[in-house]
Amino acid sequence: MAGRLEGRVAIVTGAARGQGEATARLFASEGAKVILGDVDDVEGAAAAKAIGGDAVYEHLDVSDEANWQAVVESATKRWGGVDVLVNNAGINIPASVAGMSKDQFLKVLEINLVGAWLGMKSVAPVMFAKSSGSIVNIVSSSGMWAMNGLSAYGSSKWALRGLSRNAALEYGPRGVRVNAVFPGGINTRMGNITEEPVEDLNKYYVGQPIKRIGEPVEVARVSLFLASDESSYMCGAELSVDGGQTLGVFTPFLPTS
């Protein structure tokens, strides 16, 4: 039985570990040829080797346009093009609005926003040439609400949300679907900024309907859906994978049943 991405070529950024690695692994298991892009060459190469099959690692600094072009060219020479792009790479520098330096603020924007824009720009020629493709932008629940201490991160994700909508309008008529995924708290190295043991993390999520932290594969499954033909009539969609985190504020003194 063929996989849901059988024969397709995918680039996943930030794929050396965590959410990106889980996505690359799931895509490969569904038949995709996958390029794992990252700046961590040691972990990235190890991840690609562990996945095996048609999974390869490429050094990819998402803020470097020439690097993007080289990776897309590599995919085209190796496998004939690019069918799927998952813009997953991201960084977070926790700081308040008044407490963050300009350099810190711009660094977050350069990776989280400019990096995704460069990815969409770089794959456009090969996807447009085939009049097909799927781009999945990993945004964040921080692109739906505000959280203290995440001024630069939240700004970058709100902007990526808007950019995804613009790209969906422009790319859709060319046969390329652009959709966005909004993870909440996910059990990754970046998601667990407190560096607490995994078993202690759920206490931070008791205020949401699903009272636990999410796992990387739970986001990867949604990206797989958007990358596959199962979402063929979706363009500009925004899918939350946040345990209900952004639904609103639970008010205990009002009726629940």
Protein backbone atom coordinates (compact mmCIF):
# COMPACT_ATOMS: atom_id res chain seq x y z
CA MET A 1 0.00 0.00 0.00
CA ALA A 2 1.44 3.35 -1.06
CA GLY A 3 2.09 6.00 1.54
CA ARG A 4 0.28 9.30 1.64
CA LEU A 5 3.37 11.12 0.31
CA GLU A 6 4.66 8.36 -1.95
CA GLY A 7 7.21 9.69 -4.44
CA ARG A 8 7.07 13.28 -3.24
CA VAL A 9 10.02 15.41 -2.27
CA ALA A 10 9.84 17.39 0.96
CA ILE A 11 12.07 19.92 2.67
CA VAL A 12 11.62 20.24 6.43
CA THR A 13 13.50 23.00 8.22
CA GLY A 14 14.66 22.86 11.81
CA ALA A 15 14.66 19.09 11.38
CA ALA A 16 17.67 18.07 13.45
CA ARG A 17 15.48 17.37 16.46
CA GLY A 18 12.11 17.88 18.09
CA GLN A 19 9.11 18.82 16.00
CA GLY A 20 11.05 19.05 12.74
CA GLU A 21 12.67 15.65 13.19
CA ALA A 22 9.30 14.09 14.02
CA THR A 23 7.83 15.61 10.87
CA ALA A 24 10.66 14.40 8.66
CA ARG A 25 10.42 10.92 10.17
CA LEU A 26 6.66 10.74 9.63
CA PHE A 27 6.92 12.03 6.06
CA ALA A 28 9.59 9.43 5.25
CA SER A 29 7.40 6.67 6.70
CA GLU A 30 4.67 7.80 4.29
CA GLY A 31 6.92 7.45 1.25
CA ALA A 32 8.43 10.93 0.91
CA LYS A 33 11.98 11.72 -0.03
CA VAL A 34 13.00 14.16 2.66
CA ILE A 35 15.69 16.78 3.06
CA LEU A 36 16.25 17.62 6.71
CA GLY A 37 17.47 21.20 6.85
CA ASP A 38 19.18 22.64 9.93
CA VAL A 39 22.29 24.44 11.14
CA ASP A 40 23.16 21.71 13.65
CA ASP A 41 25.17 19.48 11.35
CA VAL A 42 25.94 16.79 13.92
CA GLU A 43 22.38 16.24 15.13
CA GLY A 44 20.95 16.77 11.66
CA ALA A 45 23.14 14.14 10.04
CA ALA A 46 22.40 11.73 12.87
CA ALA A 47 18.65 12.29 12.50
CA ALA A 48 18.75 11.63 8.75
CA LYS A 49 20.80 8.49 9.29
CA ALA A 50 18.39 7.24 11.93
CA ILE A 51 15.39 7.82 9.65
CA GLY A 52 17.15 6.08 6.77
CA GLY A 53 15.75 5.43 3.33
CA ASP A 54 15.47 8.56 1.19
CA ALA A 55 16.17 10.97 4.05
CA VAL A 56 19.21 13.19 3.72
CA TYR A 57 20.60 16.07 5.74
CA GLU A 58 21.52 19.44 4.23
CA HIS A 59 23.00 22.38 6.11
CA LEU A 60 20.40 25.13 5.90
CA ASP A 61 20.58 28.53 7.53
CA VAL A 62 17.05 29.69 6.76
CA SER A 63 18.08 33.36 6.96
CA ASP A 64 20.56 32.86 4.08
CA GLU A 65 18.95 33.17 0.64
CA ALA A 66 21.92 31.61 -1.16
CA ASN A 67 21.77 28.61 1.18
CA TRP A 68 18.07 28.19 0.42
CA GLN A 69 18.73 28.27 -3.32
CA ALA A 70 21.48 25.67 -2.95
CA VAL A 71 19.20 23.28 -1.03
CA VAL A 72 16.37 23.64 -3.55
CA GLU A 73 18.85 23.07 -6.38
CA SER A 74 20.17 20.00 -4.59
CA ALA A 75 16.66 18.58 -4.22
CA THR A 76 15.94 19.26 -7.88
CA LYS A 77 19.13 17.58 -9.08
CA ARG A 78 18.67 14.63 -6.75
CA TRP A 79 14.94 14.00 -7.11
CA GLY A 80 13.54 16.33 -9.75
CA GLY A 81 12.02 19.13 -7.69
CA VAL A 82 10.25 19.98 -4.44
CA ASP A 83 6.64 19.04 -3.71
CA VAL A 84 6.37 19.95 -0.03
CA LEU A 85 7.96 22.58 2.17
CA VAL A 86 7.52 22.67 5.93
CA ASN A 87 8.81 25.93 7.40
CA ASN A 88 9.40 24.64 10.91
CA ALA A 89 12.67 26.31 11.95
CA GLY A 90 12.32 28.85 14.72
CA ILE A 91 14.01 30.37 17.74
CA ASN A 92 12.81 32.09 20.88
CA ILE A 93 14.60 34.65 23.04
CA PRO A 94 12.37 35.19 26.09
CA ALA A 95 12.40 38.87 27.07
CA SER A 96 10.00 41.68 27.76
CA VAL A 97 9.26 44.48 25.31
CA ALA A 98 11.39 46.92 27.32
CA GLY A 99 14.05 44.38 28.21
CA MET A 100 15.00 43.09 24.76
CA SER A 101 17.82 44.51 22.67
CA LYS A 102 17.35 45.46 19.03
CA ASP A 103 19.79 42.76 17.94
CA GLN A 104 17.85 40.10 19.85
CA PHE A 105 14.53 41.26 18.41
CA LEU A 106 15.83 41.26 14.85
CA LYS A 107 17.49 37.85 15.25
CA VAL A 108 14.15 36.27 16.14
CA LEU A 109 12.45 37.95 13.19
CA GLU A 110 15.25 36.92 10.83
CA ILE A 111 14.81 33.21 11.60
CA ASN A 112 11.08 32.93 12.30
CA LEU A 113 9.73 35.32 9.67
CA VAL A 114 12.36 36.11 7.07
CA GLY A 115 13.47 32.46 7.03
CA ALA A 116 9.96 31.25 6.18
CA TRP A 117 9.58 33.96 3.53
CA LEU A 118 12.87 32.95 1.90
CA GLY A 119 11.73 29.32 1.93
CA MET A 120 8.47 30.13 0.17
CA LYS A 121 10.28 32.38 -2.30
CA SER A 122 12.95 29.77 -3.05
CA VAL A 123 10.62 26.85 -3.77
CA ALA A 124 8.18 28.95 -5.82
CA PRO A 125 9.88 28.49 -9.22
CA VAL A 126 10.01 24.68 -9.04
CA MET A 127 6.49 24.37 -7.61
CA PHE A 128 5.00 26.86 -10.09
CA ALA A 129 6.67 25.00 -12.96
CA LYS A 130 4.67 21.88 -12.01
CA SER A 131 1.56 23.80 -10.95
CA SER A 132 1.50 21.82 -7.73
CA GLY A 133 2.89 21.85 -4.25
CA SER A 134 2.07 22.22 -0.59
CA ILE A 135 3.69 24.66 1.82
CA VAL A 136 3.08 24.25 5.54
CA ASN A 137 4.12 27.15 7.75
CA ILE A 138 4.56 26.28 11.40
CA VAL A 139 3.33 29.37 13.22
CA SER A 140 2.43 29.11 16.94
CA SER A 141 -0.39 29.73 19.34
CA SER A 142 1.62 32.90 20.02
CA GLY A 143 0.33 34.06 16.64
CA MET A 144 -3.22 33.98 18.00
CA TRP A 145 -2.85 35.64 21.38
CA ALA A 146 -0.26 37.37 23.57
CA MET A 147 2.03 36.10 26.30
CA ASN A 148 4.31 38.15 28.50
CA GLY A 149 8.01 37.66 27.92
CA LEU A 150 7.56 36.56 24.30
CA SER A 151 7.55 39.95 22.61
CA ALA A 152 9.81 39.14 19.66
CA TYR A 153 8.58 35.56 19.28
CA GLY A 154 4.94 36.60 19.31
CA SER A 155 5.59 39.43 16.87
CA SER A 156 7.32 37.06 14.46
CA LYS A 157 4.46 34.57 14.62
CA TRP A 158 1.72 37.14 14.13
CA ALA A 159 3.66 38.37 11.10
CA LEU A 160 4.13 34.83 9.77
CA ARG A 161 0.40 34.30 10.12
CA GLY A 162 -0.22 37.31 7.88
CA LEU A 163 2.50 36.30 5.43
CA SER A 164 0.96 32.82 5.14
CA ARG A 165 -2.37 34.35 4.17
CA ASN A 166 -0.77 36.57 1.55
CA ALA A 167 1.17 33.64 0.11
CA ALA A 168 -1.97 31.50 0.01
CA LEU A 169 -3.70 34.15 -2.10
CA GLU A 170 -0.77 34.48 -4.47
CA TYR A 171 0.33 30.84 -4.71
CA GLY A 172 -3.09 29.19 -4.86
CA PRO A 173 -3.85 30.23 -8.46
CA ARG A 174 -0.49 28.71 -9.44
CA GLY A 175 -1.48 25.33 -8.02
CA VAL A 176 0.45 25.63 -4.75
CA ARG A 177 -1.42 25.43 -1.47
CA VAL A 178 -0.16 27.38 1.57
CA ASN A 179 -1.55 26.53 5.00
CA ALA A 180 -0.53 27.23 8.57
CA VAL A 181 -0.27 25.17 11.75
CA PHE A 182 -0.44 26.74 15.20
CA PRO A 183 1.17 24.53 17.85
CA GLY A 184 0.70 25.28 21.52
CA GLY A 185 3.06 23.99 24.18
CA ILE A 186 5.03 21.11 22.66
CA ASN A 187 7.53 18.88 24.42
CA THR A 188 10.68 19.95 22.58
CA ARG A 189 13.94 21.53 23.64
CA MET A 190 12.58 24.96 22.72
CA GLY A 191 9.11 24.29 24.07
CA ASN A 192 10.40 23.28 27.49
CA ILE A 193 12.21 26.53 28.25
CA THR A 194 12.03 25.76 31.99
CA GLU A 195 14.22 22.67 31.44
CA GLU A 196 12.06 20.71 33.87
CA PRO A 197 11.60 16.93 33.66
CA VAL A 198 8.92 15.89 31.18
CA GLU A 199 6.70 14.43 33.90
CA ASP A 200 6.50 17.85 35.59
CA LEU A 201 5.49 19.86 32.52
CA ASN A 202 1.76 19.13 32.53
CA LYS A 203 1.23 21.43 35.52
CA TYR A 204 1.62 24.39 33.18
CA TYR A 205 -1.33 23.25 31.05
CA VAL A 206 -4.05 22.63 33.64
CA GLY A 207 -5.93 25.72 32.45
CA GLN A 208 -6.61 24.34 28.98
CA PRO A 209 -9.15 21.68 27.94
CA ILE A 210 -6.50 19.03 27.20
CA LYS A 211 -4.47 19.35 30.36
CA ARG A 212 -1.03 18.30 29.21
CA ILE A 213 1.84 19.36 27.00
CA GLY A 214 1.70 18.21 23.37
CA GLU A 215 4.12 15.82 21.71
CA PRO A 216 6.02 16.61 18.47
CA VAL A 217 4.35 13.84 16.51
CA GLU A 218 0.95 15.39 17.21
CA VAL A 219 2.00 18.44 15.23
CA ALA A 220 3.71 16.30 12.59
CA ARG A 221 0.44 14.46 11.88
CA VAL A 222 -1.31 17.73 11.06
CA SER A 223 1.55 18.78 8.78
CA LEU A 224 1.26 15.40 7.04
CA PHE A 225 -2.44 15.99 6.45
CA LEU A 226 -1.76 19.42 4.92
CA ALA A 227 1.08 18.04 2.80
CA SER A 228 -1.04 15.22 1.42
CA ASP A 229 -3.92 15.11 -1.07
CA GLU A 230 -6.31 14.66 1.84
CA SER A 231 -6.27 18.45 2.21
CA SER A 232 -6.49 19.16 -1.53
CA TYR A 233 -9.20 21.83 -1.14
CA MET A 234 -7.50 23.68 1.72
CA CYS A 235 -5.60 26.88 1.05
CA GLY A 236 -4.96 29.57 3.66
CA ALA A 237 -6.26 27.35 6.46
CA GLU A 238 -5.17 27.86 10.06
CA LEU A 239 -5.13 24.71 12.17
CA SER A 240 -4.52 24.88 15.91
CA VAL A 241 -2.71 22.01 17.62
CA ASP A 242 -2.72 23.47 21.10
CA GLY A 243 -4.92 21.37 23.34
CA GLY A 244 -7.50 24.15 23.26
CA GLN A 245 -5.05 26.64 24.75
CA THR A 246 -6.28 29.61 22.73
CA LEU A 247 -10.02 28.96 23.12
CA GLY A 248 -10.37 31.52 25.89
CA VAL A 249 -10.27 31.85 29.65
CA PHE A 250 -11.97 29.18 31.75
CA THR A 251 -14.25 30.76 34.34
CA PRO A 252 -14.82 28.29 37.21
CA PHE A 253 -17.83 30.06 38.74
CA LEU A 254 -19.93 29.75 35.55
CA PRO A 255 -21.79 26.54 34.57
CA THR A 256 -19.86 23.77 32.81
CA SER A 257 -22.61 21.18 32.47
